[in-house]
Amino acid sequence: MQDADVALIDSPVSGGFPGAQSGTLTMMAAGPKQALDQYADVMQAVSKTIHRVGTSAGDGQTVKACLQSLIGSIFSATFEASALAAKAGVSGQVLFDVFSSSGAGCGVSNTALENIIDRQFEGTGSHINTMHKDLTIALDLAEDLGVPMHTAATAMQIFHAGKAKYPTGDNWVCTRVIEDIIGAELHR
């Protein structure tokens, strides 16, 4: 591509539909420094945070796969903790207050837990198909590199179940699969 005077920037994003709408996506940009510098304004139009993660095509996708394996795992742990709390009779508000003010509190778990306790399983801008796709990419990369991914693989099974039972749902709908099994629901 150098002969054609074309530069390729590999730049997956994180932040979903809400981040795209508000211009606060996180970008994992990879490409030649000159191209990243030249098109920084274009990337800043949709991104609050731009991380320069490499110089070759694919570097951005690799970092995104690592990130998504972590996000999927955090989601799944939140779904399971929510079901445990529901079965034990803990209120969703109590769980949210404790989780969000502890070391476990982060945007990923807080958003998931709020949607679970408010029973918002569709239309939140975080469709289950996207995380399912992202976990597939992460696990395929891990397979290619020979890296065991125990937690992400378990998360994928939870997302498989959620997608199979509630194909129109958002990520948090996976909690309903577990709730259906245990016969308890977490409410605010």
C-alpha atoms as a PDB file:
ATOM      1  CA  MET A   1       0.000   0.000   0.000  1.00  0.00           C
ATOM      2  CA  GLN A   2       2.961   2.332   0.353  1.00  0.00           C
ATOM      3  CA  ASP A   3       3.294   2.546  -3.429  1.00  0.00           C
ATOM      4  CA  ALA A   4      -0.347   3.628  -3.711  1.00  0.00           C
ATOM      5  CA  ASP A   5       0.123   6.373  -1.122  1.00  0.00           C
ATOM      6  CA  VAL A   6      -2.622   4.866   1.022  1.00  0.00           C
ATOM      7  CA  ALA A   7      -2.297   4.520   4.763  1.00  0.00           C
ATOM      8  CA  LEU A   8      -4.367   2.046   6.738  1.00  0.00           C
ATOM      9  CA  ILE A   9      -5.527   2.830  10.262  1.00  0.00           C
ATOM     10  CA  ASP A  10      -6.888  -0.138  12.204  1.00  0.00           C
ATOM     11  CA  SER A  11      -9.145   1.366  14.854  1.00  0.00           C
ATOM     12  CA  PRO A  12     -11.766  -0.706  16.635  1.00  0.00           C
ATOM     13  CA  VAL A  13     -13.804   1.102  19.264  1.00  0.00           C
ATOM     14  CA  SER A  14     -15.340   0.438  22.648  1.00  0.00           C
ATOM     15  CA  GLY A  15     -18.300   2.213  24.172  1.00  0.00           C
ATOM     16  CA  GLY A  16     -21.185   0.830  22.165  1.00  0.00           C
ATOM     17  CA  PHE A  17     -24.159   2.732  20.879  1.00  0.00           C
ATOM     18  CA  PRO A  18     -24.195   5.234  23.763  1.00  0.00           C
ATOM     19  CA  GLY A  19     -20.526   6.072  23.173  1.00  0.00           C
ATOM     20  CA  ALA A  20     -21.091   6.495  19.459  1.00  0.00           C
ATOM     21  CA  GLN A  21     -24.044   8.796  20.053  1.00  0.00           C
ATOM     22  CA  SER A  22     -22.175  10.961  22.548  1.00  0.00           C
ATOM     23  CA  GLY A  23     -18.790  10.975  20.794  1.00  0.00           C
ATOM     24  CA  THR A  24     -17.106   9.309  23.760  1.00  0.00           C
ATOM     25  CA  LEU A  25     -15.931   6.059  22.189  1.00  0.00           C
ATOM     26  CA  THR A  26     -12.559   4.660  23.162  1.00  0.00           C
ATOM     27  CA  MET A  27     -10.415   3.906  20.117  1.00  0.00           C
ATOM     28  CA  MET A  28      -7.606   1.401  19.876  1.00  0.00           C
ATOM     29  CA  ALA A  29      -5.818   2.892  16.859  1.00  0.00           C
ATOM     30  CA  ALA A  30      -2.956   1.256  15.024  1.00  0.00           C
ATOM     31  CA  GLY A  31      -1.181   2.547  11.963  1.00  0.00           C
ATOM     32  CA  PRO A  32       1.793   4.543  10.791  1.00  0.00           C
ATOM     33  CA  LYS A  33       2.502   7.516  13.058  1.00  0.00           C
ATOM     34  CA  GLN A  34       2.148   9.947  10.158  1.00  0.00           C
ATOM     35  CA  ALA A  35      -1.339   8.638   9.312  1.00  0.00           C
ATOM     36  CA  LEU A  36      -2.439   8.687  12.948  1.00  0.00           C
ATOM     37  CA  ASP A  37      -1.216  12.264  13.277  1.00  0.00           C
ATOM     38  CA  GLN A  38      -2.795  13.345   9.987  1.00  0.00           C
ATOM     39  CA  TYR A  39      -6.226  11.906  10.820  1.00  0.00           C
ATOM     40  CA  ALA A  40      -6.296  12.602  14.564  1.00  0.00           C
ATOM     41  CA  ASP A  41      -9.014  15.253  14.122  1.00  0.00           C
ATOM     42  CA  VAL A  42     -11.252  12.783  12.298  1.00  0.00           C
ATOM     43  CA  MET A  43     -10.828  10.190  15.046  1.00  0.00           C
ATOM     44  CA  GLN A  44     -11.398  12.794  17.782  1.00  0.00           C
ATOM     45  CA  ALA A  45     -14.770  13.619  16.230  1.00  0.00           C
ATOM     46  CA  VAL A  46     -16.120  10.287  17.505  1.00  0.00           C
ATOM     47  CA  SER A  47     -13.744   9.407  20.287  1.00  0.00           C
ATOM     48  CA  LYS A  48     -13.062  10.791  23.718  1.00  0.00           C
ATOM     49  CA  THR A  49      -9.976   8.643  24.166  1.00  0.00           C
ATOM     50  CA  ILE A  50      -7.640   7.478  21.421  1.00  0.00           C
ATOM     51  CA  HIS A  51      -5.016   4.920  22.371  1.00  0.00           C
ATOM     52  CA  ARG A  52      -2.202   4.380  19.904  1.00  0.00           C
ATOM     53  CA  VAL A  53      -1.691   0.659  20.305  1.00  0.00           C
ATOM     54  CA  GLY A  54       0.614  -0.243  17.425  1.00  0.00           C
ATOM     55  CA  THR A  55       1.810   0.493  13.949  1.00  0.00           C
ATOM     56  CA  SER A  56       0.480  -2.496  11.994  1.00  0.00           C
ATOM     57  CA  ALA A  57      -2.947  -3.443  10.746  1.00  0.00           C
ATOM     58  CA  GLY A  58      -4.407  -5.903  13.230  1.00  0.00           C
ATOM     59  CA  ASP A  59      -2.771  -4.422  16.330  1.00  0.00           C
ATOM     60  CA  GLY A  60      -5.957  -2.531  17.200  1.00  0.00           C
ATOM     61  CA  GLN A  61      -8.093  -5.620  16.699  1.00  0.00           C
ATOM     62  CA  THR A  62      -5.800  -7.628  18.967  1.00  0.00           C
ATOM     63  CA  VAL A  63      -6.090  -5.103  21.796  1.00  0.00           C
ATOM     64  CA  LYS A  64      -9.875  -4.965  21.289  1.00  0.00           C
ATOM     65  CA  ALA A  65     -10.064  -8.776  21.562  1.00  0.00           C
ATOM     66  CA  CYS A  66      -8.192  -8.646  24.872  1.00  0.00           C
ATOM     67  CA  LEU A  67     -10.498  -5.906  26.149  1.00  0.00           C
ATOM     68  CA  GLN A  68     -13.643  -7.764  25.119  1.00  0.00           C
ATOM     69  CA  SER A  69     -12.503 -10.963  26.841  1.00  0.00           C
ATOM     70  CA  LEU A  70     -12.257  -8.935  30.055  1.00  0.00           C
ATOM     71  CA  ILE A  71     -15.583  -7.136  29.570  1.00  0.00           C
ATOM     72  CA  GLY A  72     -17.412 -10.383  28.786  1.00  0.00           C
ATOM     73  CA  SER A  73     -15.932 -11.977  31.897  1.00  0.00           C
ATOM     74  CA  ILE A  74     -16.945  -9.027  34.102  1.00  0.00           C
ATOM     75  CA  PHE A  75     -20.462  -9.138  32.676  1.00  0.00           C
ATOM     76  CA  SER A  76     -20.766 -12.858  33.369  1.00  0.00           C
ATOM     77  CA  ALA A  77     -19.512 -12.536  36.931  1.00  0.00           C
ATOM     78  CA  THR A  78     -22.045  -9.737  37.486  1.00  0.00           C
ATOM     79  CA  PHE A  79     -24.864 -11.910  36.099  1.00  0.00           C
ATOM     80  CA  GLU A  80     -23.943 -14.751  38.453  1.00  0.00           C
ATOM     81  CA  ALA A  81     -23.544 -12.494  41.500  1.00  0.00           C
ATOM     82  CA  SER A  82     -26.958 -10.964  40.731  1.00  0.00           C
ATOM     83  CA  ALA A  83     -28.592 -14.367  40.623  1.00  0.00           C
ATOM     84  CA  LEU A  84     -26.904 -15.381  43.872  1.00  0.00           C
ATOM     85  CA  ALA A  85     -28.148 -12.220  45.571  1.00  0.00           C
ATOM     86  CA  ALA A  86     -31.667 -12.780  44.224  1.00  0.00           C
ATOM     87  CA  LYS A  87     -31.786 -16.331  45.543  1.00  0.00           C
ATOM     88  CA  ALA A  88     -30.431 -15.177  48.923  1.00  0.00           C
ATOM     89  CA  GLY A  89     -33.052 -12.420  49.180  1.00  0.00           C
ATOM     90  CA  VAL A  90     -30.688  -9.446  48.878  1.00  0.00           C
ATOM     91  CA  SER A  91     -32.245  -6.377  47.263  1.00  0.00           C
ATOM     92  CA  GLY A  92     -30.824  -5.143  44.013  1.00  0.00           C
ATOM     93  CA  GLN A  93     -30.333  -1.644  45.382  1.00  0.00           C
ATOM     94  CA  VAL A  94     -28.245  -2.950  48.280  1.00  0.00           C
ATOM     95  CA  LEU A  95     -26.151  -5.000  45.881  1.00  0.00           C
ATOM     96  CA  PHE A  96     -25.669  -2.002  43.581  1.00  0.00           C
ATOM     97  CA  ASP A  97     -24.718   0.308  46.459  1.00  0.00           C
ATOM     98  CA  VAL A  98     -22.100  -2.132  47.736  1.00  0.00           C
ATOM     99  CA  PHE A  99     -20.706  -3.149  44.342  1.00  0.00           C
ATOM    100  CA  SER A 100     -20.483   0.377  42.955  1.00  0.00           C
ATOM    101  CA  SER A 101     -18.616   1.723  45.987  1.00  0.00           C
ATOM    102  CA  SER A 102     -16.222  -1.216  46.289  1.00  0.00           C
ATOM    103  CA  GLY A 103     -13.125  -2.254  44.410  1.00  0.00           C
ATOM    104  CA  ALA A 104     -15.366  -4.328  42.128  1.00  0.00           C
ATOM    105  CA  GLY A 105     -17.279  -1.260  41.006  1.00  0.00           C
ATOM    106  CA  CYS A 106     -16.595  -0.192  37.450  1.00  0.00           C
ATOM    107  CA  GLY A 107     -18.605   1.094  34.520  1.00  0.00           C
ATOM    108  CA  VAL A 108     -19.076  -2.400  33.105  1.00  0.00           C
ATOM    109  CA  SER A 109     -20.429  -4.012  36.265  1.00  0.00           C
ATOM    110  CA  ASN A 110     -22.369  -0.919  37.361  1.00  0.00           C
ATOM    111  CA  THR A 111     -24.174  -0.602  34.031  1.00  0.00           C
ATOM    112  CA  ALA A 112     -24.955  -4.304  33.922  1.00  0.00           C
ATOM    113  CA  LEU A 113     -26.267  -4.354  37.485  1.00  0.00           C
ATOM    114  CA  GLU A 114     -28.410  -1.238  37.006  1.00  0.00           C
ATOM    115  CA  ASN A 115     -30.045  -2.763  33.941  1.00  0.00           C
ATOM    116  CA  ILE A 116     -30.587  -6.060  35.749  1.00  0.00           C
ATOM    117  CA  ILE A 117     -32.241  -4.539  38.816  1.00  0.00           C
ATOM    118  CA  ASP A 118     -34.353  -2.210  36.667  1.00  0.00           C
ATOM    119  CA  ARG A 119     -35.314  -5.238  34.523  1.00  0.00           C
ATOM    120  CA  GLN A 120     -34.169  -3.489  31.330  1.00  0.00           C
ATOM    121  CA  PHE A 121     -33.220  -6.390  29.088  1.00  0.00           C
ATOM    122  CA  GLU A 122     -33.840  -4.883  25.636  1.00  0.00           C
ATOM    123  CA  GLY A 123     -33.238  -1.576  23.926  1.00  0.00           C
ATOM    124  CA  THR A 124     -30.366  -0.362  26.107  1.00  0.00           C
ATOM    125  CA  GLY A 125     -27.911  -0.132  23.209  1.00  0.00           C
ATOM    126  CA  SER A 126     -25.866  -3.174  24.175  1.00  0.00           C
ATOM    127  CA  HIS A 127     -27.290  -6.074  22.143  1.00  0.00           C
ATOM    128  CA  ILE A 128     -26.192  -9.581  23.043  1.00  0.00           C
ATOM    129  CA  ASN A 129     -25.086 -10.301  19.460  1.00  0.00           C
ATOM    130  CA  THR A 130     -22.257  -7.777  19.733  1.00  0.00           C
ATOM    131  CA  MET A 131     -20.697  -9.283  22.871  1.00  0.00           C
ATOM    132  CA  HIS A 132     -21.231 -12.788  21.479  1.00  0.00           C
ATOM    133  CA  LYS A 133     -19.323 -11.739  18.328  1.00  0.00           C
ATOM    134  CA  ASP A 134     -16.574 -10.064  20.366  1.00  0.00           C
ATOM    135  CA  LEU A 135     -16.074 -13.084  22.612  1.00  0.00           C
ATOM    136  CA  THR A 136     -15.934 -15.296  19.518  1.00  0.00           C
ATOM    137  CA  ILE A 137     -13.137 -13.103  18.111  1.00  0.00           C
ATOM    138  CA  ALA A 138     -11.241 -13.162  21.418  1.00  0.00           C
ATOM    139  CA  LEU A 139     -11.539 -16.924  21.790  1.00  0.00           C
ATOM    140  CA  ASP A 140     -10.533 -17.506  18.151  1.00  0.00           C
ATOM    141  CA  LEU A 141      -7.426 -15.382  18.708  1.00  0.00           C
ATOM    142  CA  ALA A 142      -6.639 -17.310  21.873  1.00  0.00           C
ATOM    143  CA  GLU A 143      -7.049 -20.583  20.007  1.00  0.00           C
ATOM    144  CA  ASP A 144      -4.704 -19.398  17.244  1.00  0.00           C
ATOM    145  CA  LEU A 145      -2.095 -18.350  19.815  1.00  0.00           C
ATOM    146  CA  GLY A 146      -2.529 -21.368  22.106  1.00  0.00           C
ATOM    147  CA  VAL A 147      -3.638 -19.294  25.092  1.00  0.00           C
ATOM    148  CA  PRO A 148      -6.050 -20.919  27.558  1.00  0.00           C
ATOM    149  CA  MET A 149      -8.978 -18.610  28.313  1.00  0.00           C
ATOM    150  CA  HIS A 150     -10.901 -20.341  31.098  1.00  0.00           C
ATOM    151  CA  THR A 151     -12.927 -17.352  32.272  1.00  0.00           C
ATOM    152  CA  ALA A 152     -13.708 -15.945  28.834  1.00  0.00           C
ATOM    153  CA  ALA A 153     -14.721 -19.425  27.647  1.00  0.00           C
ATOM    154  CA  THR A 154     -17.135 -19.722  30.569  1.00  0.00           C
ATOM    155  CA  ALA A 155     -18.473 -16.249  29.807  1.00  0.00           C
ATOM    156  CA  MET A 156     -19.057 -17.360  26.225  1.00  0.00           C
ATOM    157  CA  GLN A 157     -21.189 -20.257  27.441  1.00  0.00           C
ATOM    158  CA  ILE A 158     -23.339 -17.840  29.444  1.00  0.00           C
ATOM    159  CA  PHE A 159     -23.704 -15.638  26.358  1.00  0.00           C
ATOM    160  CA  HIS A 160     -24.542 -18.696  24.211  1.00  0.00           C
ATOM    161  CA  ALA A 161     -27.353 -19.525  26.633  1.00  0.00           C
ATOM    162  CA  GLY A 162     -28.606 -15.943  26.717  1.00  0.00           C
ATOM    163  CA  LYS A 163     -28.562 -15.601  22.940  1.00  0.00           C
ATOM    164  CA  ALA A 164     -30.321 -18.935  22.465  1.00  0.00           C
ATOM    165  CA  LYS A 165     -33.130 -18.197  24.922  1.00  0.00           C
ATOM    166  CA  TYR A 166     -33.487 -14.420  24.434  1.00  0.00           C
ATOM    167  CA  PRO A 167     -32.108 -13.622  20.940  1.00  0.00           C
ATOM    168  CA  THR A 168     -33.515 -10.082  20.884  1.00  0.00           C
ATOM    169  CA  GLY A 169     -32.098  -9.162  24.291  1.00  0.00           C
ATOM    170  CA  ASP A 170     -29.198  -7.065  25.433  1.00  0.00           C
ATOM    171  CA  ASN A 171     -26.202  -8.463  27.321  1.00  0.00           C
ATOM    172  CA  TRP A 172     -27.893  -8.391  30.729  1.00  0.00           C
ATOM    173  CA  VAL A 173     -30.597 -10.775  29.528  1.00  0.00           C
ATOM    174  CA  CYS A 174     -28.148 -13.579  30.294  1.00  0.00           C
ATOM    175  CA  THR A 175     -29.068 -13.005  33.934  1.00  0.00           C
ATOM    176  CA  ARG A 176     -32.618 -14.091  33.147  1.00  0.00           C
ATOM    177  CA  VAL A 177     -31.344 -17.501  32.010  1.00  0.00           C
ATOM    178  CA  ILE A 178     -29.730 -18.036  35.412  1.00  0.00           C
ATOM    179  CA  GLU A 179     -32.773 -16.586  37.202  1.00  0.00           C
ATOM    180  CA  ASP A 180     -35.020 -18.991  35.297  1.00  0.00           C
ATOM    181  CA  ILE A 181     -32.935 -21.897  36.584  1.00  0.00           C
ATOM    182  CA  ILE A 182     -32.962 -20.772  40.229  1.00  0.00           C
ATOM    183  CA  GLY A 183     -36.498 -19.366  40.340  1.00  0.00           C
ATOM    184  CA  ALA A 184     -35.547 -15.943  41.692  1.00  0.00           C
ATOM    185  CA  GLU A 185     -35.196 -12.457  40.195  1.00  0.00           C
ATOM    186  CA  LEU A 186     -33.191  -9.461  41.338  1.00  0.00           C
ATOM    187  CA  HIS A 187     -35.150  -6.220  41.564  1.00  0.00           C
ATOM    188  CA  ARG A 188     -34.188  -2.789  42.755  1.00  0.00           C
END
